[in-house]
Amino acid sequence: MMDYLTEYHLVALVGLATGVPLGLAARLGRFCTLGAIEDALYGGSTVRLRMWGMAIGLAVLGSFALMASGLLADTATYYLSIRWMPLASILGGLVFGYGMALSGMCGYGAIARLGGGDLRSFVIVLVMGVATFVVLSGPLAPLRALVFPQEPVTTEVPPGIAHQLAALSGISVNLIGMGIGALILIGSAASRAVWEKPSKVAWAAAVGLAVVGAWAGTSWVARTGFEALPVVSHSFAAPLGDTILWWMTGSARPLSFAVGSVAGVWAGAFIGSLFKGHFRWEACEDPRELRRQIIGAALMGGGAVIALGCSIGQGLSAFSVLAISAPVTFAAIFAGAALGLRQLIVGFQPAE
């Protein structure tokens, strides 16, 4: 079989296999960034936010376990090899979060909803994918590169929380990383409301393991192959653009992890929607709603490029290796989403 499968096929299969659990978690476990924030701010429940915390904690534990075993090189990961820009994390996260609120979903959520037949999310996927490339390598790329240049790390210590603490304390990086992961996991799981819904714990675990599985799979291909393919995990900003380009020019460009990842999330969401009996075709009946969603998708695409990741890319994959950018960007996404939700739900008029 290996005679027919190239390394490009292998990383695409890794993306597909680890993307399916993400799609299932979205449809069956209601794992959603914006939903978690909205529940916490307006729904009186932190269960879904704690699901995110448990997924992060498990992903951190698994990623640093891979590093300790030599199966993942920390500096091979994008988030620890690019110089951290605090302003980019804050500004990009705010823009992404606000756009997410306007759209009603992030890129990951849009793919998951598309798997359930929501054609509105198809528009969001297209607009976000194109907007990402407009800022990443299109007409706005020179301005983005001038203001927020994405430069490789030149310091001896990577921009990671565990790495910085290890440099200060002399304790093993991997020991610190796994310790932080355990604290995040325990703190997030320390709620009776979470354990009253054990399925939520299971889906959070599935998400965390999907992130770790992506690191392990792409690292193995990079380590044993000859194509110098990048070591990556899930993110849904630039990968949307990569997937659109592949569908248009697949005969001229190879498969990638991004294409497999997007396909996996869609497939998992489709299976989940059929299992729950929730699949149905939906479209936008209000032009004003569609306009808002298009604007939000464009903001998400640009914001994700500036912040070097979306709610999944920074909020899970970057967090799994404890990149300094991850908690800062995630906090900014939360703040941007909170601002957008307030505008949509209660408006900005002062209370009388």
Protein backbone atom coordinates (compact mmCIF):
# COMPACT_ATOMS: atom_id res chain seq x y z
CA MET A 1 0.00 0.00 0.00
CA MET A 2 2.89 2.33 0.72
CA ASP A 3 3.75 2.16 -2.98
CA TYR A 4 0.54 4.08 -3.67
CA LEU A 5 0.51 6.41 -0.64
CA THR A 6 2.88 9.36 -0.70
CA GLU A 7 3.82 11.38 2.35
CA TYR A 8 1.24 13.95 1.26
CA HIS A 9 -1.42 11.26 1.34
CA LEU A 10 -0.27 10.15 4.78
CA VAL A 11 -0.51 13.59 6.40
CA ALA A 12 -3.91 14.09 4.76
CA LEU A 13 -5.03 10.78 6.28
CA VAL A 14 -3.73 11.93 9.67
CA GLY A 15 -5.80 15.09 9.29
CA LEU A 16 -8.84 13.08 8.24
CA ALA A 17 -8.57 10.53 11.05
CA THR A 18 -8.06 13.14 13.77
CA GLY A 19 -10.56 15.56 12.25
CA VAL A 20 -13.49 13.14 12.43
CA PRO A 21 -13.56 13.17 16.28
CA LEU A 22 -13.59 16.98 16.17
CA GLY A 23 -16.61 16.93 13.88
CA LEU A 24 -18.38 14.38 16.06
CA ALA A 25 -17.61 16.42 19.18
CA ALA A 26 -19.14 19.51 17.58
CA ARG A 27 -22.38 17.77 16.58
CA LEU A 28 -22.82 15.22 19.38
CA GLY A 29 -20.99 16.95 22.24
CA ARG A 30 -21.89 20.55 21.28
CA PHE A 31 -18.22 21.46 21.53
CA CYS A 32 -18.20 25.07 20.33
CA THR A 33 -16.10 28.14 21.09
CA LEU A 34 -18.81 30.75 20.75
CA GLY A 35 -21.39 28.52 22.41
CA ALA A 36 -19.12 28.08 25.43
CA ILE A 37 -18.57 31.83 25.74
CA GLU A 38 -22.28 32.59 25.30
CA ASP A 39 -23.24 29.98 27.91
CA ALA A 40 -20.78 31.46 30.41
CA LEU A 41 -21.86 35.07 29.85
CA TYR A 42 -25.60 34.72 29.29
CA GLY A 43 -26.62 31.14 29.96
CA GLY A 44 -25.46 30.74 33.54
CA SER A 45 -23.43 27.61 32.71
CA THR A 46 -19.68 27.07 32.47
CA VAL A 47 -19.92 23.40 31.47
CA ARG A 48 -18.92 23.95 27.84
CA LEU A 49 -16.16 26.36 28.86
CA ARG A 50 -14.87 23.70 31.22
CA MET A 51 -14.99 21.23 28.33
CA TRP A 52 -12.54 23.52 26.54
CA GLY A 53 -10.33 23.57 29.63
CA MET A 54 -10.34 19.78 29.90
CA ALA A 55 -9.51 19.44 26.21
CA ILE A 56 -6.65 21.91 26.62
CA GLY A 57 -5.32 20.18 29.73
CA LEU A 58 -5.35 16.76 28.10
CA ALA A 59 -3.78 18.16 24.93
CA VAL A 60 -0.98 19.76 26.96
CA LEU A 61 -0.34 16.52 28.85
CA GLY A 62 -0.28 14.50 25.64
CA SER A 63 1.89 16.92 23.69
CA PHE A 64 4.55 17.17 26.37
CA ALA A 65 4.45 13.40 26.82
CA LEU A 66 5.25 13.16 23.10
CA MET A 67 8.13 15.59 23.58
CA ALA A 68 9.44 13.62 26.56
CA SER A 69 9.40 10.42 24.52
CA GLY A 70 11.17 12.04 21.58
CA LEU A 71 8.16 11.67 19.27
CA LEU A 72 7.68 15.43 18.91
CA ALA A 73 10.35 18.10 18.66
CA ASP A 74 9.16 21.30 20.32
CA THR A 75 10.96 23.62 17.89
CA ALA A 76 9.39 21.77 14.95
CA THR A 77 6.00 23.16 15.91
CA TYR A 78 5.04 26.42 14.23
CA TYR A 79 3.89 28.12 17.41
CA LEU A 80 7.26 27.68 19.15
CA SER A 81 9.37 28.58 16.11
CA ILE A 82 7.82 31.99 15.31
CA ARG A 83 8.64 35.12 17.31
CA TRP A 84 5.75 36.10 19.55
CA MET A 85 4.19 39.51 18.90
CA PRO A 86 1.96 40.53 21.86
CA LEU A 87 0.13 43.23 19.90
CA ALA A 88 -0.63 40.78 17.08
CA SER A 89 -2.08 38.26 19.53
CA ILE A 90 -4.27 40.88 21.20
CA LEU A 91 -5.42 42.74 18.09
CA GLY A 92 -5.85 39.63 15.96
CA GLY A 93 -7.69 37.83 18.76
CA LEU A 94 -10.06 40.74 19.33
CA VAL A 95 -10.88 41.02 15.63
CA PHE A 96 -11.36 37.26 15.33
CA GLY A 97 -13.58 37.07 18.40
CA TYR A 98 -15.74 39.98 17.27
CA GLY A 99 -16.07 38.46 13.80
CA MET A 100 -16.97 35.11 15.38
CA ALA A 101 -19.83 36.75 17.27
CA LEU A 102 -21.10 38.46 14.12
CA SER A 103 -21.00 35.21 12.17
CA GLY A 104 -22.44 33.14 14.98
CA MET A 105 -19.67 30.55 14.62
CA CYS A 106 -15.92 30.17 14.04
CA GLY A 107 -14.30 28.36 11.11
CA TYR A 108 -14.42 25.04 12.93
CA GLY A 109 -18.06 25.59 13.84
CA ALA A 110 -18.89 26.56 10.27
CA ILE A 111 -17.48 23.29 8.93
CA ALA A 112 -19.39 21.36 11.59
CA ARG A 113 -22.65 23.12 10.76
CA LEU A 114 -22.05 22.54 7.06
CA GLY A 115 -21.93 18.85 7.90
CA GLY A 116 -25.46 19.24 9.23
CA GLY A 117 -26.75 20.88 6.04
CA ASP A 118 -26.48 24.55 7.04
CA LEU A 119 -25.77 26.40 3.77
CA ARG A 120 -25.19 29.66 5.65
CA SER A 121 -22.03 28.13 7.04
CA PHE A 122 -20.90 27.30 3.50
CA VAL A 123 -20.82 31.04 2.78
CA ILE A 124 -18.82 31.62 5.97
CA VAL A 125 -16.32 28.90 5.02
CA LEU A 126 -15.79 30.41 1.57
CA VAL A 127 -15.51 34.02 2.76
CA MET A 128 -13.24 33.17 5.68
CA GLY A 129 -10.97 31.02 3.52
CA VAL A 130 -10.60 33.72 0.86
CA ALA A 131 -10.17 36.52 3.45
CA THR A 132 -7.42 34.53 5.13
CA PHE A 133 -5.41 34.34 1.92
CA VAL A 134 -6.07 38.00 1.08
CA VAL A 135 -4.21 38.92 4.27
CA LEU A 136 -1.76 36.01 4.28
CA SER A 137 -0.46 36.13 0.71
CA GLY A 138 -2.82 38.39 -1.27
CA PRO A 139 -3.15 42.15 -1.73
CA LEU A 140 -3.01 42.93 2.00
CA ALA A 141 -0.02 40.66 2.66
CA PRO A 142 2.64 43.40 2.23
CA LEU A 143 0.87 45.61 4.77
CA ARG A 144 0.45 42.70 7.18
CA ALA A 145 4.11 41.72 6.78
CA LEU A 146 5.17 45.33 7.40
CA VAL A 147 3.13 45.79 10.57
CA PHE A 148 3.24 42.21 11.89
CA PRO A 149 6.26 40.44 10.37
CA GLN A 150 6.22 36.71 11.07
CA GLU A 151 9.89 36.13 11.90
CA PRO A 152 11.55 32.95 13.14
CA VAL A 153 12.71 32.73 16.73
CA THR A 154 16.30 33.89 17.18
CA THR A 155 16.58 33.42 20.95
CA GLU A 156 17.85 30.25 22.58
CA VAL A 157 14.64 29.73 24.55
CA PRO A 158 11.46 29.25 22.47
CA PRO A 159 8.42 31.46 23.24
CA GLY A 160 6.73 28.80 25.35
CA ILE A 161 5.49 29.06 28.94
CA ALA A 162 7.09 25.78 30.00
CA HIS A 163 10.33 26.64 28.21
CA GLN A 164 10.58 30.03 29.88
CA LEU A 165 9.86 28.56 33.31
CA ALA A 166 12.41 25.80 32.72
CA ALA A 167 15.05 28.35 31.79
CA LEU A 168 14.38 30.22 35.03
CA SER A 169 14.10 27.22 37.35
CA GLY A 170 16.31 24.57 35.79
CA ILE A 171 13.46 22.04 35.98
CA SER A 172 12.74 19.83 32.97
CA VAL A 173 10.62 21.51 30.28
CA ASN A 174 8.53 18.39 29.82
CA LEU A 175 7.95 17.98 33.56
CA ILE A 176 6.77 21.58 33.84
CA GLY A 177 4.58 21.19 30.75
CA MET A 178 2.88 18.05 32.01
CA GLY A 179 2.45 19.63 35.43
CA ILE A 180 0.71 22.67 33.93
CA GLY A 181 -1.44 20.39 31.77
CA ALA A 182 -2.49 18.38 34.82
CA LEU A 183 -3.40 21.57 36.71
CA ILE A 184 -5.51 22.85 33.81
CA LEU A 185 -7.24 19.48 33.49
CA ILE A 186 -7.96 19.11 37.21
CA GLY A 187 -9.09 22.71 37.59
CA SER A 188 -11.44 22.48 34.61
CA ALA A 189 -12.90 19.16 35.73
CA ALA A 190 -13.46 20.30 39.32
CA SER A 191 -17.18 20.91 38.93
CA ARG A 192 -20.16 18.75 39.83
CA ALA A 193 -22.04 20.13 36.83
CA VAL A 194 -19.41 18.65 34.51
CA TRP A 195 -19.51 15.16 36.02
CA GLU A 196 -23.31 15.14 35.96
CA LYS A 197 -22.87 14.99 32.18
CA PRO A 198 -20.13 12.37 31.65
CA SER A 199 -20.59 12.49 27.89
CA LYS A 200 -19.22 16.04 27.98
CA VAL A 201 -16.04 14.74 29.62
CA ALA A 202 -15.72 12.06 26.94
CA TRP A 203 -16.10 14.55 24.08
CA ALA A 204 -13.61 16.94 25.68
CA ALA A 205 -11.16 14.04 25.88
CA ALA A 206 -11.79 13.20 22.23
CA VAL A 207 -10.94 16.76 21.21
CA GLY A 208 -7.76 16.85 23.27
CA LEU A 209 -6.60 13.49 21.92
CA ALA A 210 -7.36 14.61 18.34
CA VAL A 211 -4.93 17.51 18.76
CA VAL A 212 -2.27 15.21 20.22
CA GLY A 213 -2.88 12.62 17.50
CA ALA A 214 -2.32 15.24 14.81
CA TRP A 215 1.01 16.25 16.36
CA ALA A 216 2.09 12.61 16.64
CA GLY A 217 1.04 11.67 13.12
CA THR A 218 2.53 14.61 11.25
CA SER A 219 5.69 14.40 13.37
CA TRP A 220 6.10 10.73 12.43
CA VAL A 221 5.73 11.52 8.72
CA ALA A 222 8.19 14.42 8.97
CA ARG A 223 10.66 12.30 10.93
CA THR A 224 10.58 9.25 8.68
CA GLY A 225 9.86 10.83 5.29
CA PHE A 226 11.87 12.80 2.77
CA GLU A 227 9.53 15.65 1.81
CA ALA A 228 10.27 17.96 4.77
CA LEU A 229 6.58 18.36 5.50
CA PRO A 230 5.63 20.59 8.45
CA VAL A 231 4.66 19.25 11.85
CA VAL A 232 1.16 20.62 12.43
CA SER A 233 -2.07 20.16 14.32
CA HIS A 234 -5.58 21.42 13.72
CA SER A 235 -6.46 25.00 12.86
CA PHE A 236 -9.28 26.34 10.73
CA ALA A 237 -8.31 29.63 9.15
CA ALA A 238 -5.60 29.23 6.49
CA PRO A 239 -6.55 25.53 6.12
CA LEU A 240 -9.93 26.65 4.81
CA GLY A 241 -8.16 28.60 2.06
CA ASP A 242 -5.81 25.67 1.41
CA THR A 243 -8.80 23.36 1.03
CA ILE A 244 -10.58 25.72 -1.38
CA LEU A 245 -7.40 25.98 -3.47
CA TRP A 246 -6.96 22.20 -3.51
CA TRP A 247 -10.51 21.63 -4.73
CA MET A 248 -9.89 24.14 -7.54
CA THR A 249 -6.34 23.07 -8.45
CA GLY A 250 -5.99 19.55 -7.04
CA SER A 251 -4.21 18.27 -10.12
CA ALA A 252 -1.51 20.91 -9.67
CA ARG A 253 -1.03 20.86 -5.89
CA PRO A 254 -0.59 17.92 -3.51
CA LEU A 255 -2.87 16.89 -0.70
CA SER A 256 -2.10 18.29 2.73
CA PHE A 257 -2.96 17.86 6.38
CA ALA A 258 -5.22 20.91 6.08
CA VAL A 259 -7.39 19.32 3.39
CA GLY A 260 -7.68 16.11 5.39
CA SER A 261 -8.47 18.00 8.58
CA VAL A 262 -11.29 20.03 7.04
CA ALA A 263 -12.69 16.92 5.35
CA GLY A 264 -12.49 15.00 8.63
CA VAL A 265 -14.41 17.62 10.60
CA TRP A 266 -17.07 17.81 7.88
CA ALA A 267 -17.37 14.00 7.74
CA GLY A 268 -17.58 13.67 11.52
CA ALA A 269 -20.22 16.39 11.70
CA PHE A 270 -22.19 14.79 8.87
CA ILE A 271 -22.14 11.41 10.61
CA GLY A 272 -23.09 13.03 13.91
CA SER A 273 -25.99 14.94 12.37
CA LEU A 274 -27.33 11.75 10.78
CA PHE A 275 -26.97 9.87 14.07
CA LYS A 276 -28.94 12.55 15.93
CA GLY A 277 -31.43 12.98 13.10
CA HIS A 278 -30.53 16.66 12.86
CA PHE A 279 -29.44 16.84 9.23
CA ARG A 280 -31.56 19.30 7.28
CA TRP A 281 -30.92 21.88 4.61
CA GLU A 282 -30.99 25.43 5.93
CA ALA A 283 -30.46 28.79 4.25
CA CYS A 284 -30.43 32.42 5.27
CA GLU A 285 -33.76 34.17 4.75
CA ASP A 286 -32.71 37.60 6.02
CA PRO A 287 -30.23 39.56 3.84
CA ARG A 288 -29.16 41.56 6.90
CA GLU A 289 -28.19 38.36 8.70
CA LEU A 290 -26.22 37.17 5.68
CA ARG A 291 -24.43 40.54 5.45
CA ARG A 292 -23.49 40.31 9.13
CA GLN A 293 -22.19 36.79 8.70
CA ILE A 294 -20.10 37.70 5.65
CA ILE A 295 -18.54 40.65 7.47
CA GLY A 296 -17.86 38.44 10.48
CA ALA A 297 -16.24 35.74 8.34
CA ALA A 298 -13.95 38.30 6.68
CA LEU A 299 -12.93 39.65 10.09
CA MET A 300 -12.22 36.14 11.35
CA GLY A 301 -9.99 35.40 8.35
CA GLY A 302 -7.92 38.54 8.77
CA GLY A 303 -7.80 38.32 12.55
CA ALA A 304 -6.62 34.71 12.49
CA VAL A 305 -3.72 35.54 10.17
CA ILE A 306 -2.58 38.39 12.42
CA ALA A 307 -2.95 36.31 15.59
CA LEU A 308 -1.27 33.27 13.94
CA GLY A 309 -4.28 31.08 14.57
CA CYS A 310 -8.00 30.84 15.23
CA SER A 311 -9.97 29.64 18.25
CA ILE A 312 -8.77 26.10 17.52
CA GLY A 313 -5.29 26.94 16.21
CA GLN A 314 -4.38 29.15 19.16
CA GLY A 315 -7.01 27.98 21.62
CA LEU A 316 -6.10 24.29 21.36
CA SER A 317 -3.11 23.48 19.14
CA ALA A 318 -0.88 26.36 20.29
CA PHE A 319 -2.11 25.89 23.85
CA SER A 320 -1.14 22.21 23.70
CA VAL A 321 2.54 23.17 23.42
CA LEU A 322 2.01 26.06 25.88
CA ALA A 323 3.01 28.77 23.40
CA ILE A 324 2.90 32.14 25.17
CA SER A 325 0.66 33.43 22.40
CA ALA A 326 -2.09 30.90 23.20
CA PRO A 327 -3.59 32.21 26.48
CA VAL A 328 -3.17 35.82 25.36
CA THR A 329 -4.90 35.20 22.03
CA PHE A 330 -7.62 33.09 23.61
CA ALA A 331 -8.34 35.82 26.17
CA ALA A 332 -8.52 38.38 23.35
CA ILE A 333 -10.88 36.13 21.37
CA PHE A 334 -13.08 35.82 24.45
CA ALA A 335 -13.11 39.62 24.89
CA GLY A 336 -13.86 40.24 21.21
CA ALA A 337 -16.66 37.67 21.25
CA ALA A 338 -18.10 39.14 24.46
CA LEU A 339 -18.18 42.58 22.83
CA GLY A 340 -19.88 41.22 19.72
CA LEU A 341 -22.41 39.19 21.71
CA ARG A 342 -23.28 42.21 23.84
CA GLN A 343 -23.89 44.23 20.71
CA LEU A 344 -26.13 41.53 19.22
CA ILE A 345 -28.00 40.52 22.37
CA VAL A 346 -28.42 43.63 24.52
CA GLY A 347 -27.06 46.42 22.35
CA PHE A 348 -24.89 49.28 23.55
CA GLN A 349 -27.66 51.54 24.82
CA PRO A 350 -27.29 52.46 28.51
CA ALA A 351 -29.81 50.86 30.85
CA GLU A 352 -32.53 53.20 32.10
